[in-house]
PDB file of N, CA and C in Angstrom:
ATOM      1  N   MET A   1      85.121  -2.566-149.187  1.00  0.00           N
ATOM      2  CA  MET A   1      84.897  -3.575-150.166  1.00  0.00           C
ATOM      3  C   MET A   1      83.427  -4.026-150.164  1.00  0.00           C
ATOM      4  N   ASN A   2      82.885  -4.203-148.943  1.00  0.00           N
ATOM      5  CA  ASN A   2      81.544  -4.602-148.750  1.00  0.00           C
ATOM      6  C   ASN A   2      80.552  -3.662-149.391  1.00  0.00           C
ATOM      7  N   ASP A   3      80.849  -2.336-149.196  1.00  0.00           N
ATOM      8  CA  ASP A   3      79.948  -1.303-149.738  1.00  0.00           C
ATOM      9  C   ASP A   3      80.047  -1.328-151.295  1.00  0.00           C
ATOM     10  N   LEU A   4      81.214  -1.512-151.768  1.00  0.00           N
ATOM     11  CA  LEU A   4      81.356  -1.614-153.216  1.00  0.00           C
ATOM     12  C   LEU A   4      80.523  -2.725-153.819  1.00  0.00           C
ATOM     13  N   LEU A   5      80.676  -3.924-153.248  1.00  0.00           N
ATOM     14  CA  LEU A   5      79.958  -5.044-153.872  1.00  0.00           C
ATOM     15  C   LEU A   5      78.457  -5.160-153.435  1.00  0.00           C
ATOM     16  N   TYR A   6      78.028  -4.595-152.358  1.00  0.00           N
ATOM     17  CA  TYR A   6      76.683  -4.806-151.953  1.00  0.00           C
ATOM     18  C   TYR A   6      75.889  -3.510-151.572  1.00  0.00           C
ATOM     19  N   GLY A   7      76.591  -2.366-151.454  1.00  0.00           N
ATOM     20  CA  GLY A   7      76.030  -1.165-151.112  1.00  0.00           C
ATOM     21  C   GLY A   7      75.254  -0.457-152.280  1.00  0.00           C
ATOM     22  N   PRO A   8      74.461   0.599-151.965  1.00  0.00           N
ATOM     23  CA  PRO A   8      73.725   1.269-152.968  1.00  0.00           C
ATOM     24  C   PRO A   8      74.672   2.109-153.867  1.00  0.00           C
ATOM     25  N   GLY A   9      74.108   2.416-155.026  1.00  0.00           N
ATOM     26  CA  GLY A   9      74.865   3.258-155.989  1.00  0.00           C
ATOM     27  C   GLY A   9      73.846   3.866-156.965  1.00  0.00           C
ATOM     28  N   GLU A  10      74.381   4.463-157.992  1.00  0.00           N
ATOM     29  CA  GLU A  10      73.533   5.073-159.039  1.00  0.00           C
ATOM     30  C   GLU A  10      72.878   3.936-159.889  1.00  0.00           C
ATOM     31  N   SER A  11      71.536   3.919-160.003  1.00  0.00           N
ATOM     32  CA  SER A  11      70.861   2.927-160.758  1.00  0.00           C
ATOM     33  C   SER A  11      71.180   3.015-162.241  1.00  0.00           C
ATOM     34  N   MET A  12      71.365   1.818-162.827  1.00  0.00           N
ATOM     35  CA  MET A  12      71.542   1.724-164.282  1.00  0.00           C
ATOM     36  C   MET A  12      70.681   0.593-164.787  1.00  0.00           C
ATOM     37  N   SER A  13      70.338   0.696-166.080  1.00  0.00           N
ATOM     38  CA  SER A  13      69.567  -0.392-166.686  1.00  0.00           C
ATOM     39  C   SER A  13      70.368  -1.075-167.749  1.00  0.00           C
ATOM     40  N   GLY A  14      70.204  -2.415-167.737  1.00  0.00           N
ATOM     41  CA  GLY A  14      70.785  -3.149-168.833  1.00  0.00           C
ATOM     42  C   GLY A  14      69.665  -3.590-169.735  1.00  0.00           C
ATOM     43  N   SER A  15      69.798  -4.663-170.478  1.00  0.00           N
ATOM     44  CA  SER A  15      68.728  -5.181-171.305  1.00  0.00           C
ATOM     45  C   SER A  15      67.623  -5.797-170.486  1.00  0.00           C
ATOM     46  N   GLU A  16      66.426  -5.726-170.902  1.00  0.00           N
ATOM     47  CA  GLU A  16      65.308  -6.328-170.187  1.00  0.00           C
ATOM     48  C   GLU A  16      64.988  -7.683-170.699  1.00  0.00           C
ATOM     49  N   MET A  17      65.822  -8.211-171.577  1.00  0.00           N
ATOM     50  CA  MET A  17      65.598  -9.591-172.202  1.00  0.00           C
ATOM     51  C   MET A  17      65.580 -10.661-171.091  1.00  0.00           C
ATOM     52  N   THR A  18      64.831 -11.717-171.276  1.00  0.00           N
ATOM     53  CA  THR A  18      64.941 -12.888-170.422  1.00  0.00           C
ATOM     54  C   THR A  18      66.323 -13.510-170.677  1.00  0.00           C
ATOM     55  N   ASP A  19      66.640 -14.485-169.854  1.00  0.00           N
ATOM     56  CA  ASP A  19      67.879 -15.201-170.100  1.00  0.00           C
ATOM     57  C   ASP A  19      67.823 -15.937-171.433  1.00  0.00           C
ATOM     58  N   GLU A  20      66.697 -16.551-171.751  1.00  0.00           N
ATOM     59  CA  GLU A  20      66.568 -17.311-173.014  1.00  0.00           C
ATOM     60  C   GLU A  20      66.632 -16.330-174.207  1.00  0.00           C
ATOM     61  N   GLN A  21      65.942 -15.221-174.119  1.00  0.00           N
ATOM     62  CA  GLN A  21      65.998 -14.209-175.201  1.00  0.00           C
ATOM     63  C   GLN A  21      67.470 -13.660-175.335  1.00  0.00           C
ATOM     64  N   ALA A  22      68.145 -13.447-174.297  1.00  0.00           N
ATOM     65  CA  ALA A  22      69.517 -12.955-174.323  1.00  0.00           C
ATOM     66  C   ALA A  22      70.421 -13.960-174.972  1.00  0.00           C
ATOM     67  N   MET A  23      70.202 -15.269-174.649  1.00  0.00           N
ATOM     68  CA  MET A  23      71.044 -16.320-175.245  1.00  0.00           C
ATOM     69  C   MET A  23      70.857 -16.407-176.764  1.00  0.00           C
ATOM     70  N   ALA A  24      69.583 -16.279-177.204  1.00  0.00           N
ATOM     71  CA  ALA A  24      69.343 -16.330-178.647  1.00  0.00           C
ATOM     72  C   ALA A  24      69.923 -15.131-179.331  1.00  0.00           C
ATOM     73  N   TYR A  25      69.789 -13.952-178.727  1.00  0.00           N
ATOM     74  CA  TYR A  25      70.349 -12.689-179.250  1.00  0.00           C
ATOM     75  C   TYR A  25      71.848 -12.810-179.322  1.00  0.00           C
ATOM     76  N   ALA A  26      72.539 -13.277-178.263  1.00  0.00           N
ATOM     77  CA  ALA A  26      73.986 -13.354-178.236  1.00  0.00           C
ATOM     78  C   ALA A  26      74.504 -14.337-179.315  1.00  0.00           C
ATOM     79  N   GLN A  27      73.854 -15.492-179.435  1.00  0.00           N
ATOM     80  CA  GLN A  27      74.341 -16.410-180.427  1.00  0.00           C
ATOM     81  C   GLN A  27      74.220 -15.915-181.818  1.00  0.00           C
ATOM     82  N   LYS A  28      73.187 -15.066-182.096  1.00  0.00           N
ATOM     83  CA  LYS A  28      72.974 -14.473-183.416  1.00  0.00           C
ATOM     84  C   LYS A  28      73.937 -13.341-183.628  1.00  0.00           C
ATOM     85  N   THR A  29      74.120 -12.474-182.586  1.00  0.00           N
ATOM     86  CA  THR A  29      75.020 -11.329-182.697  1.00  0.00           C
ATOM     87  C   THR A  29      76.443 -11.614-182.633  1.00  0.00           C
ATOM     88  N   PHE A  30      76.850 -12.695-181.878  1.00  0.00           N
ATOM     89  CA  PHE A  30      78.237 -13.072-181.776  1.00  0.00           C
ATOM     90  C   PHE A  30      78.460 -14.563-182.108  1.00  0.00           C
ATOM     91  N   PRO A  31      78.273 -14.869-183.402  1.00  0.00           N
ATOM     92  CA  PRO A  31      78.315 -16.273-183.831  1.00  0.00           C
ATOM     93  C   PRO A  31      79.650 -17.011-183.528  1.00  0.00           C
ATOM     94  N   ARG A  32      80.748 -16.338-183.351  1.00  0.00           N
ATOM     95  CA  ARG A  32      81.991 -16.950-182.970  1.00  0.00           C
ATOM     96  C   ARG A  32      82.172 -17.083-181.499  1.00  0.00           C
ATOM     97  N   GLY A  33      81.210 -16.692-180.708  1.00  0.00           N
ATOM     98  CA  GLY A  33      81.344 -16.743-179.300  1.00  0.00           C
ATOM     99  C   GLY A  33      81.887 -15.426-178.704  1.00  0.00           C
ATOM    100  N   ASP A  34      82.666 -15.625-177.656  1.00  0.00           N
ATOM    101  CA  ASP A  34      83.317 -14.513-176.918  1.00  0.00           C
ATOM    102  C   ASP A  34      82.231 -13.586-176.344  1.00  0.00           C
ATOM    103  N   PHE A  35      81.279 -14.208-175.691  1.00  0.00           N
ATOM    104  CA  PHE A  35      80.297 -13.326-174.982  1.00  0.00           C
ATOM    105  C   PHE A  35      80.004 -14.030-173.659  1.00  0.00           C
ATOM    106  N   CYS A  36      79.505 -13.155-172.723  1.00  0.00           N
ATOM    107  CA  CYS A  36      79.119 -13.621-171.350  1.00  0.00           C
ATOM    108  C   CYS A  36      77.896 -12.939-170.944  1.00  0.00           C
ATOM    109  N   LEU A  37      76.892 -13.598-170.517  1.00  0.00           N
ATOM    110  CA  LEU A  37      75.628 -13.020-170.054  1.00  0.00           C
ATOM    111  C   LEU A  37      75.714 -12.894-168.561  1.00  0.00           C
ATOM    112  N   VAL A  38      75.450 -11.675-168.018  1.00  0.00           N
ATOM    113  CA  VAL A  38      75.542 -11.448-166.579  1.00  0.00           C
ATOM    114  C   VAL A  38      74.328 -10.697-166.052  1.00  0.00           C
ATOM    115  N   ARG A  39      74.006 -10.938-164.776  1.00  0.00           N
ATOM    116  CA  ARG A  39      72.986 -10.234-164.023  1.00  0.00           C
ATOM    117  C   ARG A  39      73.592  -9.796-162.710  1.00  0.00           C
ATOM    118  N   GLN A  40      72.853  -8.929-162.037  1.00  0.00           N
ATOM    119  CA  GLN A  40      73.298  -8.423-160.706  1.00  0.00           C
ATOM    120  C   GLN A  40      74.690  -7.812-160.843  1.00  0.00           C
ATOM    121  N   TRP A  41      74.811  -6.886-161.751  1.00  0.00           N
ATOM    122  CA  TRP A  41      76.107  -6.307-162.088  1.00  0.00           C
ATOM    123  C   TRP A  41      76.333  -4.924-161.529  1.00  0.00           C
ATOM    124  N   ARG A  42      77.551  -4.517-161.410  1.00  0.00           N
ATOM    125  CA  ARG A  42      77.972  -3.265-160.913  1.00  0.00           C
ATOM    126  C   ARG A  42      79.019  -2.692-161.968  1.00  0.00           C
ATOM    127  N   TRP A  43      78.677  -1.521-162.432  1.00  0.00           N
ATOM    128  CA  TRP A  43      79.559  -0.719-163.302  1.00  0.00           C
ATOM    129  C   TRP A  43      80.420   0.002-162.360  1.00  0.00           C
ATOM    130  N   ILE A  44      81.766  -0.216-162.407  1.00  0.00           N
ATOM    131  CA  ILE A  44      82.747   0.413-161.416  1.00  0.00           C
ATOM    132  C   ILE A  44      83.659   1.296-162.224  1.00  0.00           C
ATOM    133  N   ASP A  45      83.568   2.643-161.951  1.00  0.00           N
ATOM    134  CA  ASP A  45      84.525   3.601-162.431  1.00  0.00           C
ATOM    135  C   ASP A  45      85.704   3.654-161.539  1.00  0.00           C
ATOM    136  N   LEU A  46      86.859   3.421-162.089  1.00  0.00           N
ATOM    137  CA  LEU A  46      88.084   3.336-161.292  1.00  0.00           C
ATOM    138  C   LEU A  46      88.678   4.707-161.093  1.00  0.00           C
ATOM    139  N   ASP A  47      89.108   5.044-159.881  1.00  0.00           N
ATOM    140  CA  ASP A  47      89.901   6.225-159.563  1.00  0.00           C
ATOM    141  C   ASP A  47      91.289   5.894-159.959  1.00  0.00           C
ATOM    142  N   VAL A  48      91.846   6.433-160.990  1.00  0.00           N
ATOM    143  CA  VAL A  48      93.212   6.206-161.390  1.00  0.00           C
ATOM    144  C   VAL A  48      93.976   7.469-161.644  1.00  0.00           C
ATOM    145  N   SER A  49      95.267   7.405-161.621  1.00  0.00           N
ATOM    146  CA  SER A  49      96.087   8.584-161.845  1.00  0.00           C
ATOM    147  C   SER A  49      96.081   8.861-163.402  1.00  0.00           C
ATOM    148  N   GLU A  50      96.490  10.062-163.724  1.00  0.00           N
ATOM    149  CA  GLU A  50      96.602  10.414-165.112  1.00  0.00           C
ATOM    150  C   GLU A  50      97.520   9.529-165.882  1.00  0.00           C
ATOM    151  N   GLN A  51      98.611   9.070-165.211  1.00  0.00           N
ATOM    152  CA  GLN A  51      99.522   8.135-165.861  1.00  0.00           C
ATOM    153  C   GLN A  51      98.858   6.793-166.189  1.00  0.00           C
ATOM    154  N   GLN A  52      98.077   6.263-165.190  1.00  0.00           N
ATOM    155  CA  GLN A  52      97.385   5.069-165.403  1.00  0.00           C
ATOM    156  C   GLN A  52      96.337   5.133-166.528  1.00  0.00           C
ATOM    157  N   ARG A  53      95.636   6.313-166.557  1.00  0.00           N
ATOM    158  CA  ARG A  53      94.656   6.594-167.553  1.00  0.00           C
ATOM    159  C   ARG A  53      95.350   6.619-168.954  1.00  0.00           C
ATOM    160  N   ALA A  54      96.537   7.214-169.045  1.00  0.00           N
ATOM    161  CA  ALA A  54      97.237   7.308-170.258  1.00  0.00           C
ATOM    162  C   ALA A  54      97.702   5.913-170.757  1.00  0.00           C
ATOM    163  N   GLU A  55      98.120   5.054-169.827  1.00  0.00           N
ATOM    164  CA  GLU A  55      98.515   3.686-170.175  1.00  0.00           C
ATOM    165  C   GLU A  55      97.357   2.889-170.694  1.00  0.00           C
ATOM    166  N   LEU A  56      96.196   3.046-170.115  1.00  0.00           N
ATOM    167  CA  LEU A  56      94.928   2.390-170.598  1.00  0.00           C
ATOM    168  C   LEU A  56      94.620   2.951-172.019  1.00  0.00           C
ATOM    169  N   ALA A  57      94.718   4.194-172.199  1.00  0.00           N
ATOM    170  CA  ALA A  57      94.375   4.890-173.466  1.00  0.00           C
ATOM    171  C   ALA A  57      95.214   4.300-174.636  1.00  0.00           C
ATOM    172  N   LYS A  58      96.450   3.917-174.317  1.00  0.00           N
ATOM    173  CA  LYS A  58      97.325   3.378-175.390  1.00  0.00           C
ATOM    174  C   LYS A  58      96.721   2.194-176.008  1.00  0.00           C
ATOM    175  N   THR A  59      95.956   1.378-175.254  1.00  0.00           N
ATOM    176  CA  THR A  59      95.268   0.206-175.828  1.00  0.00           C
ATOM    177  C   THR A  59      93.721   0.462-176.015  1.00  0.00           C
ATOM    178  N   ARG A  60      93.398   1.762-176.101  1.00  0.00           N
ATOM    179  CA  ARG A  60      91.991   2.135-176.314  1.00  0.00           C
ATOM    180  C   ARG A  60      91.037   1.526-175.267  1.00  0.00           C
ATOM    181  N   ARG A  61      91.472   1.587-174.020  1.00  0.00           N
ATOM    182  CA  ARG A  61      90.628   1.161-172.883  1.00  0.00           C
ATOM    183  C   ARG A  61      90.394   2.314-171.878  1.00  0.00           C
ATOM    184  N   LEU A  62      89.318   2.210-171.146  1.00  0.00           N
ATOM    185  CA  LEU A  62      88.959   3.139-170.167  1.00  0.00           C
ATOM    186  C   LEU A  62      89.048   2.523-168.731  1.00  0.00           C
ATOM    187  N   PRO A  63      89.154   3.370-167.734  1.00  0.00           N
ATOM    188  CA  PRO A  63      89.241   2.820-166.352  1.00  0.00           C
ATOM    189  C   PRO A  63      87.876   2.455-165.807  1.00  0.00           C
ATOM    190  N   THR A  64      87.207   1.544-166.405  1.00  0.00           N
ATOM    191  CA  THR A  64      85.885   1.071-165.984  1.00  0.00           C
ATOM    192  C   THR A  64      85.865  -0.353-166.139  1.00  0.00           C
ATOM    193  N   ILE A  65      85.281  -1.084-165.125  1.00  0.00           N
ATOM    194  CA  ILE A  65      85.122  -2.576-165.144  1.00  0.00           C
ATOM    195  C   ILE A  65      83.702  -2.856-164.757  1.00  0.00           C
ATOM    196  N   ILE A  66      83.341  -4.114-164.968  1.00  0.00           N
ATOM    197  CA  ILE A  66      82.058  -4.666-164.516  1.00  0.00           C
ATOM    198  C   ILE A  66      82.376  -5.758-163.472  1.00  0.00           C
ATOM    199  N   TYR A  67      81.642  -5.701-162.385  1.00  0.00           N
ATOM    200  CA  TYR A  67      81.637  -6.836-161.479  1.00  0.00           C
ATOM    201  C   TYR A  67      80.271  -7.346-161.453  1.00  0.00           C
ATOM    202  N   ALA A  68      80.038  -8.636-161.711  1.00  0.00           N
ATOM    203  CA  ALA A  68      78.701  -9.227-161.727  1.00  0.00           C
ATOM    204  C   ALA A  68      78.598 -10.379-160.674  1.00  0.00           C
ATOM    205  N   HIS A  69      77.582 -10.326-159.967  1.00  0.00           N
ATOM    206  CA  HIS A  69      77.330 -11.421-158.978  1.00  0.00           C
ATOM    207  C   HIS A  69      76.791 -12.711-159.616  1.00  0.00           C
ATOM    208  N   GLY A  70      76.201 -12.556-160.806  1.00  0.00           N
ATOM    209  CA  GLY A  70      75.584 -13.731-161.475  1.00  0.00           C
ATOM    210  C   GLY A  70      75.900 -13.949-162.894  1.00  0.00           C
ATOM    211  N   VAL A  71      76.799 -14.879-163.165  1.00  0.00           N
ATOM    212  CA  VAL A  71      77.058 -15.313-164.525  1.00  0.00           C
ATOM    213  C   VAL A  71      75.914 -16.214-165.020  1.00  0.00           C
ATOM    214  N   ILE A  72      75.267 -15.883-166.045  1.00  0.00           N
ATOM    215  CA  ILE A  72      74.190 -16.641-166.629  1.00  0.00           C
ATOM    216  C   ILE A  72      74.724 -17.674-167.642  1.00  0.00           C
ATOM    217  N   TYR A  73      75.734 -17.216-168.474  1.00  0.00           N
ATOM    218  CA  TYR A  73      76.326 -18.112-169.406  1.00  0.00           C
ATOM    219  C   TYR A  73      77.567 -17.496-169.939  1.00  0.00           C
ATOM    220  N   ASP A  74      78.644 -18.187-170.093  1.00  0.00           N
ATOM    221  CA  ASP A  74      79.845 -17.792-170.678  1.00  0.00           C
ATOM    222  C   ASP A  74      80.282 -18.650-171.859  1.00  0.00           C
ATOM    223  N   SER A  75      80.252 -18.133-173.071  1.00  0.00           N
ATOM    224  CA  SER A  75      80.557 -18.914-174.226  1.00  0.00           C
ATOM    225  C   SER A  75      81.900 -19.517-174.273  1.00  0.00           C
ATOM    226  N   ASN A  76      82.830 -19.004-173.555  1.00  0.00           N
ATOM    227  CA  ASN A  76      84.212 -19.583-173.488  1.00  0.00           C
ATOM    228  C   ASN A  76      84.414 -20.468-172.264  1.00  0.00           C
ATOM    229  N   ARG A  77      83.423 -20.705-171.472  1.00  0.00           N
ATOM    230  CA  ARG A  77      83.421 -21.619-170.317  1.00  0.00           C
ATOM    231  C   ARG A  77      84.502 -21.245-169.280  1.00  0.00           C
ATOM    232  N   ARG A  78      84.732 -19.890-169.151  1.00  0.00           N
ATOM    233  CA  ARG A  78      85.724 -19.521-168.139  1.00  0.00           C
ATOM    234  C   ARG A  78      85.069 -19.487-166.817  1.00  0.00           C
ATOM    235  N   TRP A  79      83.754 -19.247-166.778  1.00  0.00           N
ATOM    236  CA  TRP A  79      83.050 -19.257-165.494  1.00  0.00           C
ATOM    237  C   TRP A  79      81.774 -20.110-165.590  1.00  0.00           C
ATOM    238  N   ASP A  80      81.396 -20.703-164.469  1.00  0.00           N
ATOM    239  CA  ASP A  80      80.191 -21.526-164.474  1.00  0.00           C
ATOM    240  C   ASP A  80      78.946 -20.650-164.227  1.00  0.00           C
ATOM    241  N   VAL A  81      77.807 -21.254-164.422  1.00  0.00           N
ATOM    242  CA  VAL A  81      76.533 -20.508-164.179  1.00  0.00           C
ATOM    243  C   VAL A  81      76.498 -20.221-162.645  1.00  0.00           C
ATOM    244  N   GLY A  82      76.170 -18.976-162.320  1.00  0.00           N
ATOM    245  CA  GLY A  82      76.131 -18.648-160.888  1.00  0.00           C
ATOM    246  C   GLY A  82      77.373 -18.008-160.340  1.00  0.00           C
ATOM    247  N   ASP A  83      78.522 -18.181-161.046  1.00  0.00           N
ATOM    248  CA  ASP A  83      79.759 -17.598-160.547  1.00  0.00           C
ATOM    249  C   ASP A  83      79.693 -16.130-160.592  1.00  0.00           C
ATOM    250  N   PHE A  84      80.594 -15.421-159.909  1.00  0.00           N
ATOM    251  CA  PHE A  84      80.840 -13.998-160.094  1.00  0.00           C
ATOM    252  C   PHE A  84      81.907 -13.759-161.103  1.00  0.00           C
ATOM    253  N   VAL A  85      81.968 -12.539-161.651  1.00  0.00           N
ATOM    254  CA  VAL A  85      82.993 -12.234-162.621  1.00  0.00           C
ATOM    255  C   VAL A  85      83.430 -10.781-162.439  1.00  0.00           C
ATOM    256  N   ARG A  86      84.699 -10.535-162.598  1.00  0.00           N
ATOM    257  CA  ARG A  86      85.217  -9.154-162.633  1.00  0.00           C
ATOM    258  C   ARG A  86      85.941  -9.004-164.012  1.00  0.00           C
ATOM    259  N   THR A  87      85.512  -8.142-164.799  1.00  0.00           N
ATOM    260  CA  THR A  87      86.058  -7.944-166.153  1.00  0.00           C
ATOM    261  C   THR A  87      87.400  -7.189-166.101  1.00  0.00           C
ATOM    262  N   SER A  88      87.966  -7.176-167.287  1.00  0.00           N
ATOM    263  CA  SER A  88      89.123  -6.279-167.534  1.00  0.00           C
ATOM    264  C   SER A  88      88.569  -4.958-167.907  1.00  0.00           C
ATOM    265  N   PRO A  89      89.377  -3.946-168.116  1.00  0.00           N
ATOM    266  CA  PRO A  89      88.813  -2.607-168.433  1.00  0.00           C
ATOM    267  C   PRO A  89      88.042  -2.500-169.760  1.00  0.00           C
ATOM    268  N   LEU A  90      87.174  -1.585-169.712  1.00  0.00           N
ATOM    269  CA  LEU A  90      86.226  -1.258-170.882  1.00  0.00           C
ATOM    270  C   LEU A  90      86.982  -0.831-172.065  1.00  0.00           C
ATOM    271  N   HIS A  91      86.624  -1.468-173.223  1.00  0.00           N
ATOM    272  CA  HIS A  91      87.078  -1.088-174.504  1.00  0.00           C
ATOM    273  C   HIS A  91      86.059  -0.270-175.290  1.00  0.00           C
ATOM    274  N   ASP A  92      84.842  -0.783-175.208  1.00  0.00           N
ATOM    275  CA  ASP A  92      83.784  -0.093-175.945  1.00  0.00           C
ATOM    276  C   ASP A  92      82.446  -0.484-175.314  1.00  0.00           C
ATOM    277  N   PHE A  93      81.487   0.498-175.323  1.00  0.00           N
ATOM    278  CA  PHE A  93      80.135   0.234-174.794  1.00  0.00           C
ATOM    279  C   PHE A  93      79.131   0.579-175.814  1.00  0.00           C
ATOM    280  N   ARG A  94      78.293  -0.381-176.193  1.00  0.00           N
ATOM    281  CA  ARG A  94      77.278  -0.182-177.240  1.00  0.00           C
ATOM    282  C   ARG A  94      75.920  -0.755-176.836  1.00  0.00           C
ATOM    283  N   GLU A  95      74.918  -0.314-177.590  1.00  0.00           N
ATOM    284  CA  GLU A  95      73.540  -0.791-177.460  1.00  0.00           C
ATOM    285  C   GLU A  95      72.947  -0.578-176.049  1.00  0.00           C
ATOM    286  N   GLY A  96      73.671   0.067-175.131  1.00  0.00           N
ATOM    287  CA  GLY A  96      73.206   0.284-173.840  1.00  0.00           C
ATOM    288  C   GLY A  96      73.370  -0.916-172.929  1.00  0.00           C
ATOM    289  N   PHE A  97      73.958  -2.013-173.456  1.00  0.00           N
ATOM    290  CA  PHE A  97      74.207  -3.174-172.588  1.00  0.00           C
ATOM    291  C   PHE A  97      75.326  -4.107-173.023  1.00  0.00           C
ATOM    292  N   HIS A  98      76.039  -3.715-174.135  1.00  0.00           N
ATOM    293  CA  HIS A  98      77.191  -4.449-174.593  1.00  0.00           C
ATOM    294  C   HIS A  98      78.432  -3.830-173.950  1.00  0.00           C
ATOM    295  N   PHE A  99      79.017  -4.486-172.950  1.00  0.00           N
ATOM    296  CA  PHE A  99      80.267  -3.962-172.305  1.00  0.00           C
ATOM    297  C   PHE A  99      81.386  -4.805-172.931  1.00  0.00           C
ATOM    298  N   LYS A 100      82.137  -4.163-173.823  1.00  0.00           N
ATOM    299  CA  LYS A 100      83.179  -4.865-174.480  1.00  0.00           C
ATOM    300  C   LYS A 100      84.561  -4.623-173.902  1.00  0.00           C
ATOM    301  N   THR A 101      85.269  -5.708-173.635  1.00  0.00           N
ATOM    302  CA  THR A 101      86.659  -5.645-173.205  1.00  0.00           C
ATOM    303  C   THR A 101      87.471  -6.054-174.398  1.00  0.00           C
ATOM    304  N   LEU A 102      88.805  -6.169-174.382  1.00  0.00           N
ATOM    305  CA  LEU A 102      89.612  -6.575-175.482  1.00  0.00           C
ATOM    306  C   LEU A 102      89.375  -8.048-175.736  1.00  0.00           C
ATOM    307  N   ASN A 103      88.844  -8.843-174.788  1.00  0.00           N
ATOM    308  CA  ASN A 103      88.719 -10.271-174.891  1.00  0.00           C
ATOM    309  C   ASN A 103      87.319 -10.788-175.107  1.00  0.00           C
ATOM    310  N   SER A 104      86.332 -10.058-174.683  1.00  0.00           N
ATOM    311  CA  SER A 104      84.979 -10.570-174.658  1.00  0.00           C
ATOM    312  C   SER A 104      83.916  -9.469-174.651  1.00  0.00           C
ATOM    313  N   THR A 105      82.650  -9.804-174.824  1.00  0.00           N
ATOM    314  CA  THR A 105      81.588  -8.838-174.679  1.00  0.00           C
ATOM    315  C   THR A 105      80.670  -9.401-173.584  1.00  0.00           C
ATOM    316  N   TYR A 106      80.473  -8.527-172.629  1.00  0.00           N
ATOM    317  CA  TYR A 106      79.556  -8.904-171.473  1.00  0.00           C
ATOM    318  C   TYR A 106      78.187  -8.243-171.745  1.00  0.00           C
ATOM    319  N   LEU A 107      77.124  -9.008-171.781  1.00  0.00           N
ATOM    320  CA  LEU A 107      75.857  -8.459-172.021  1.00  0.00           C
ATOM    321  C   LEU A 107      75.177  -8.307-170.597  1.00  0.00           C
ATOM    322  N   LEU A 108      74.955  -6.987-170.289  1.00  0.00           N
ATOM    323  CA  LEU A 108      74.443  -6.614-169.041  1.00  0.00           C
ATOM    324  C   LEU A 108      72.906  -6.707-169.043  1.00  0.00           C
ATOM    325  N   LEU A 109      72.394  -7.658-168.230  1.00  0.00           N
ATOM    326  CA  LEU A 109      70.987  -7.972-168.196  1.00  0.00           C
ATOM    327  C   LEU A 109      70.356  -7.451-166.972  1.00  0.00           C
ATOM    328  N   GLY A 110      69.201  -6.821-167.029  1.00  0.00           N
ATOM    329  CA  GLY A 110      68.457  -6.399-165.859  1.00  0.00           C
ATOM    330  C   GLY A 110      69.079  -5.165-165.260  1.00  0.00           C
ATOM    331  N   ALA A 111      68.663  -4.902-164.032  1.00  0.00           N
ATOM    332  CA  ALA A 111      69.168  -3.649-163.361  1.00  0.00           C
ATOM    333  C   ALA A 111      70.561  -3.837-162.864  1.00  0.00           C
ATOM    334  N   GLY A 112      71.298  -2.682-162.845  1.00  0.00           N
ATOM    335  CA  GLY A 112      72.668  -2.659-162.354  1.00  0.00           C
ATOM    336  C   GLY A 112      72.880  -1.451-161.479  1.00  0.00           C
ATOM    337  N   VAL A 113      74.015  -1.277-160.959  1.00  0.00           N
ATOM    338  CA  VAL A 113      74.402  -0.078-160.116  1.00  0.00           C
ATOM    339  C   VAL A 113      75.763   0.419-160.558  1.00  0.00           C
ATOM    340  N   ARG A 114      75.879   1.739-160.582  1.00  0.00           N
ATOM    341  CA  ARG A 114      77.200   2.342-160.938  1.00  0.00           C
ATOM    342  C   ARG A 114      77.802   2.855-159.617  1.00  0.00           C
ATOM    343  N   LYS A 115      79.114   2.503-159.467  1.00  0.00           N
ATOM    344  CA  LYS A 115      79.859   2.922-158.289  1.00  0.00           C
ATOM    345  C   LYS A 115      81.206   3.446-158.692  1.00  0.00           C
ATOM    346  N   GLN A 116      81.915   3.991-157.812  1.00  0.00           N
ATOM    347  CA  GLN A 116      83.271   4.456-158.008  1.00  0.00           C
ATOM    348  C   GLN A 116      84.195   3.821-156.995  1.00  0.00           C
ATOM    349  N   ALA A 117      85.337   3.408-157.321  1.00  0.00           N
ATOM    350  CA  ALA A 117      86.254   2.775-156.414  1.00  0.00           C
ATOM    351  C   ALA A 117      87.735   2.937-156.866  1.00  0.00           C
ATOM    352  N   SER A 118      88.645   2.775-155.953  1.00  0.00           N
ATOM    353  CA  SER A 118      90.064   2.842-156.308  1.00  0.00           C
ATOM    354  C   SER A 118      90.476   1.524-156.933  1.00  0.00           C
ATOM    355  N   ALA A 119      91.494   1.595-157.777  1.00  0.00           N
ATOM    356  CA  ALA A 119      91.923   0.396-158.440  1.00  0.00           C
ATOM    357  C   ALA A 119      92.495  -0.616-157.348  1.00  0.00           C
ATOM    358  N   LYS A 120      93.019  -0.084-156.229  1.00  0.00           N
ATOM    359  CA  LYS A 120      93.560  -0.946-155.186  1.00  0.00           C
ATOM    360  C   LYS A 120      92.405  -1.743-154.541  1.00  0.00           C
ATOM    361  N   VAL A 121      91.316  -1.205-154.313  1.00  0.00           N
ATOM    362  CA  VAL A 121      90.165  -1.901-153.700  1.00  0.00           C
ATOM    363  C   VAL A 121      89.685  -2.949-154.648  1.00  0.00           C
ATOM    364  N   VAL A 122      89.501  -2.575-155.946  1.00  0.00           N
ATOM    365  CA  VAL A 122      89.005  -3.515-156.974  1.00  0.00           C
ATOM    366  C   VAL A 122      89.990  -4.731-157.180  1.00  0.00           C
ATOM    367  N   ALA A 123      91.332  -4.397-157.021  1.00  0.00           N
ATOM    368  CA  ALA A 123      92.230  -5.506-157.160  1.00  0.00           C
ATOM    369  C   ALA A 123      92.129  -6.606-156.160  1.00  0.00           C
ATOM    370  N   ARG A 124      91.456  -6.321-155.030  1.00  0.00           N
ATOM    371  CA  ARG A 124      91.216  -7.364-154.011  1.00  0.00           C
ATOM    372  C   ARG A 124      90.076  -8.274-154.349  1.00  0.00           C
ATOM    373  N   ILE A 125      89.314  -7.952-155.412  1.00  0.00           N
ATOM    374  CA  ILE A 125      88.251  -8.883-155.858  1.00  0.00           C
ATOM    375  C   ILE A 125      88.855  -9.894-156.736  1.00  0.00           C
ATOM    376  N   PHE A 126      88.788 -11.174-156.344  1.00  0.00           N
ATOM    377  CA  PHE A 126      89.261 -12.249-157.219  1.00  0.00           C
ATOM    378  C   PHE A 126      88.392 -13.338-157.444  1.00  0.00           C
TER     379      PHE A 126
END
């Protein structure tokens, strides 16, 4: 668990916008809300069985989540500034930093890390 959350991984880049620029962009791009700005994020590819992959595919989702150490802003007020967040599985990825789940869009800001983990290990993050 410690390695997953804090260890090295494959470098990834999110948006280079400042927090203020990202907020203005998000408010313009998602006028009805449903967005969350995050930094210090980890893209986690889940090791799942073919059956689990098929179940996710039924709802057009992939076995990938984001864990972020730093919530910058959540339009739905689910998390406070500075909280950590673990998303639900990926529905769509656009613009190189829009990580969309079925419920929200997470804007990945700054540098991130890509890791792989079992669903069992990730389930222990709450």
